[in-house]
Amino acid sequence: LLMRRPEITGFISVSPPANMYDFSFLAPCPASGLIINGSADRVAPTKDTDSLVSKLREQKGITISHEMIEGAGHFFEHEQDHMAPMIDLVQAYVRRRLGEVSR
């Protein structure tokens, strides 16, 4: 989608299954973004998400932010411990990016 829609200036990806799918289409990635995963994710292991983030960070002209929620699984099962912090990260990122665009 990012490659076909140049007007998209950013993305948020939560628990990307980097171990199950080929994300090489994101290189080169035309937009900055946020990737969030849980440290206890057994569906999309942390090492695979870290590799994806590292690959994306090699790109020039974009910023890839990466946040990990300690103890969270793939579905951020516990509302207060995992889901709420993930939502807070998304909201803060969107507010920051909207502030950058409106300047």
Protein backbone atom coordinates (compact mmCIF):
# COMPACT_ATOMS: atom_id res chain seq x y z
CA LEU A 1 0.00 0.00 0.00
CA LEU A 2 2.80 2.41 0.87
CA MET A 3 4.47 1.89 -2.48
CA ARG A 4 1.28 2.57 -4.44
CA ARG A 5 0.08 5.53 -2.37
CA PRO A 6 2.75 8.24 -2.26
CA GLU A 7 0.42 10.55 -0.30
CA ILE A 8 0.74 8.24 2.72
CA THR A 9 3.42 9.79 4.88
CA GLY A 10 3.61 7.29 7.70
CA PHE A 11 2.54 3.94 9.06
CA ILE A 12 1.93 2.09 12.31
CA SER A 13 2.41 -1.66 12.48
CA VAL A 14 1.49 -3.65 15.58
CA SER A 15 2.93 -7.15 15.95
CA PRO A 16 4.04 -7.55 12.34
CA PRO A 17 4.49 -11.27 11.62
CA ALA A 18 7.97 -10.83 10.19
CA ASN A 19 8.65 -14.54 10.62
CA MET A 20 5.67 -15.56 8.45
CA TYR A 21 5.73 -13.13 5.55
CA ASP A 22 8.32 -11.61 3.28
CA PHE A 23 8.50 -7.92 4.14
CA SER A 24 11.25 -7.22 1.61
CA PHE A 25 8.70 -5.25 -0.41
CA LEU A 26 9.13 -2.53 2.21
CA ALA A 27 12.69 -1.95 1.07
CA PRO A 28 12.86 0.73 -0.04
CA CYS A 29 10.21 2.01 2.34
CA PRO A 30 8.98 5.46 1.29
CA ALA A 31 7.53 6.47 4.68
CA SER A 32 8.52 6.76 8.32
CA GLY A 33 6.66 4.62 10.79
CA LEU A 34 6.17 3.05 14.18
CA ILE A 35 6.47 -0.67 14.85
CA ILE A 36 5.17 -2.04 18.17
CA ASN A 37 5.54 -5.57 19.43
CA GLY A 38 5.35 -7.48 22.68
CA SER A 39 8.36 -9.05 24.35
CA ALA A 40 6.41 -12.29 24.91
CA ASP A 41 5.01 -12.56 21.37
CA ARG A 42 5.17 -16.23 20.32
CA VAL A 43 3.35 -15.66 17.01
CA ALA A 44 5.81 -13.06 15.73
CA PRO A 45 9.02 -13.53 17.76
CA THR A 46 10.95 -10.49 18.91
CA LYS A 47 14.11 -11.46 17.01
CA ASP A 48 12.21 -11.38 13.71
CA THR A 49 10.63 -8.01 14.48
CA ASP A 50 14.04 -6.66 15.48
CA SER A 51 15.46 -7.84 12.14
CA LEU A 52 12.65 -6.11 10.25
CA VAL A 53 13.22 -2.88 12.18
CA SER A 54 16.98 -3.04 11.53
CA LYS A 55 16.42 -3.56 7.81
CA LEU A 56 14.00 -0.63 7.60
CA ARG A 57 16.34 1.62 9.58
CA GLU A 58 18.98 1.19 6.86
CA GLN A 59 16.85 3.38 4.58
CA LYS A 60 17.82 7.02 4.20
CA GLY A 61 15.27 9.78 4.62
CA ILE A 62 12.87 7.93 6.91
CA THR A 63 12.66 7.30 10.64
CA ILE A 64 11.50 3.97 12.01
CA SER A 65 10.46 4.07 15.65
CA HIS A 66 10.29 0.77 17.52
CA GLU A 67 8.57 0.19 20.83
CA MET A 68 8.30 -3.07 22.74
CA ILE A 69 5.69 -3.66 25.43
CA GLU A 70 7.30 -5.77 28.16
CA GLY A 71 5.45 -9.02 28.80
CA ALA A 72 2.89 -8.52 26.01
CA GLY A 73 1.94 -11.37 23.72
CA HIS A 74 0.86 -11.09 20.09
CA PHE A 75 -2.66 -9.93 20.99
CA PHE A 76 -1.79 -7.65 23.96
CA GLU A 77 -4.16 -9.72 26.08
CA HIS A 78 -4.08 -7.82 29.39
CA GLU A 79 -5.90 -4.50 29.10
CA GLN A 80 -4.03 -2.47 31.72
CA ASP A 81 -0.61 -4.07 31.38
CA HIS A 82 -0.40 -4.42 27.61
CA MET A 83 -3.29 -3.00 25.56
CA ALA A 84 -3.48 0.40 27.30
CA PRO A 85 0.27 1.11 26.97
CA MET A 86 0.16 0.06 23.30
CA ILE A 87 -2.76 2.41 22.62
CA ASP A 88 -0.94 5.21 24.47
CA LEU A 89 2.12 4.70 22.23
CA VAL A 90 -0.03 4.83 19.08
CA GLN A 91 -1.84 7.97 20.22
CA ALA A 92 1.40 9.74 21.15
CA TYR A 93 2.97 8.82 17.81
CA VAL A 94 -0.05 10.02 15.82
CA ARG A 95 -0.16 13.31 17.78
CA ARG A 96 3.54 13.86 17.17
CA ARG A 97 3.30 13.08 13.46
CA LEU A 98 0.23 15.28 13.01
CA GLY A 99 2.14 18.09 14.70
CA GLU A 100 4.99 17.63 12.22
CA VAL A 101 2.63 17.72 9.23
CA SER A 102 0.73 20.81 10.38
CA ARG A 103 3.87 22.97 10.65
